[in-house]
Amino acid sequence: MASIDLRNTVREYIDKADIRLLKMIKALAESYQNDEQELTLSEEQYQMIDKRKEAHVNEESNTLTWEQVKQYARNASQ
């Protein structure tokens, strides 16, 4: 379903909605907005990511293969 079609369908539901549905839609929209705001990184966080990426690319950081990670997880659970 295209974005415009979906918007129109949602508008139709809203136009016919009772107070209960409107409250649910409002809560969902607010929750979505809060999630979007929480996903934003600060400039300091971006700088930290860039620094770690550079260390990884220059082979200056300790890394593990996926197999090593799985083995450590198995060992930790025993």
Protein backbone atom coordinates (compact mmCIF):
# COMPACT_ATOMS: atom_id res chain seq x y z
CA MET A 1 0.00 0.00 0.00
CA ALA A 2 1.43 3.37 -0.99
CA SER A 3 2.04 6.05 1.61
CA ILE A 4 -0.76 8.27 0.30
CA ASP A 5 -3.24 5.39 0.29
CA LEU A 6 -2.27 4.49 3.83
CA ARG A 7 -2.68 8.08 5.02
CA ASN A 8 -6.12 8.27 3.43
CA THR A 9 -7.16 5.00 5.06
CA VAL A 10 -5.97 6.19 8.47
CA ARG A 11 -7.81 9.51 7.99
CA GLU A 12 -11.00 7.59 7.24
CA TYR A 13 -10.61 5.64 10.47
CA ILE A 14 -9.94 8.85 12.40
CA ASP A 15 -12.96 10.60 10.87
CA LYS A 16 -15.22 7.76 12.06
CA ALA A 17 -13.42 7.04 15.36
CA ASP A 18 -14.92 7.18 18.80
CA ILE A 19 -13.05 8.71 21.75
CA ARG A 20 -11.45 5.38 22.68
CA LEU A 21 -9.82 4.92 19.28
CA LEU A 22 -8.74 8.57 19.16
CA LYS A 23 -7.02 8.18 22.55
CA MET A 24 -5.22 5.05 21.33
CA ILE A 25 -4.06 6.79 18.16
CA LYS A 26 -2.85 9.77 20.20
CA ALA A 27 -0.92 7.50 22.58
CA LEU A 28 0.63 5.64 19.65
CA ALA A 29 1.68 8.89 17.96
CA GLU A 30 3.18 10.23 21.18
CA SER A 31 5.06 6.99 21.77
CA TYR A 32 6.41 7.11 18.22
CA GLN A 33 7.56 10.72 18.68
CA ASN A 34 9.32 9.85 21.95
CA ASP A 35 11.08 6.89 20.32
CA GLU A 36 12.27 9.08 17.45
CA GLN A 37 13.70 11.63 19.87
CA GLU A 38 15.50 8.95 21.89
CA LEU A 39 17.22 7.62 18.77
CA THR A 40 19.05 10.87 18.16
CA LEU A 41 22.74 10.75 19.09
CA SER A 42 24.63 13.67 20.57
CA GLU A 43 27.66 15.17 18.85
CA GLU A 44 29.84 13.58 21.55
CA GLN A 45 28.38 10.14 20.76
CA TYR A 46 29.04 10.60 17.03
CA GLN A 47 32.64 11.58 17.81
CA MET A 48 33.07 8.48 19.98
CA ILE A 49 31.74 6.26 17.18
CA ASP A 50 34.10 7.88 14.67
CA LYS A 51 37.06 7.39 17.03
CA ARG A 52 36.21 3.72 17.60
CA LYS A 53 35.70 3.15 13.87
CA GLU A 54 39.08 4.70 13.11
CA ALA A 55 40.76 2.49 15.73
CA HIS A 56 39.06 -0.56 14.20
CA VAL A 57 40.07 0.33 10.65
CA ASN A 58 43.67 0.91 11.80
CA GLU A 59 43.59 -2.44 13.66
CA GLU A 60 44.24 -0.68 16.97
CA SER A 61 41.26 -2.21 18.76
CA ASN A 62 40.53 -5.70 20.01
CA THR A 63 37.92 -7.44 17.93
CA LEU A 64 36.37 -10.88 18.00
CA THR A 65 35.06 -13.10 15.26
CA TRP A 66 31.43 -14.16 15.41
CA GLU A 67 32.57 -17.67 16.34
CA GLN A 68 34.58 -16.30 19.28
CA VAL A 69 31.59 -14.30 20.50
CA LYS A 70 29.35 -17.38 20.35
CA GLN A 71 31.94 -19.46 22.21
CA TYR A 72 32.32 -16.84 24.96
CA ALA A 73 28.53 -16.74 25.31
CA ARG A 74 28.34 -20.53 25.55
CA ASN A 75 31.11 -20.60 28.15
CA ALA A 76 29.47 -17.84 30.20
CA SER A 77 26.15 -19.68 30.34
CA GLN A 78 27.73 -22.83 31.82
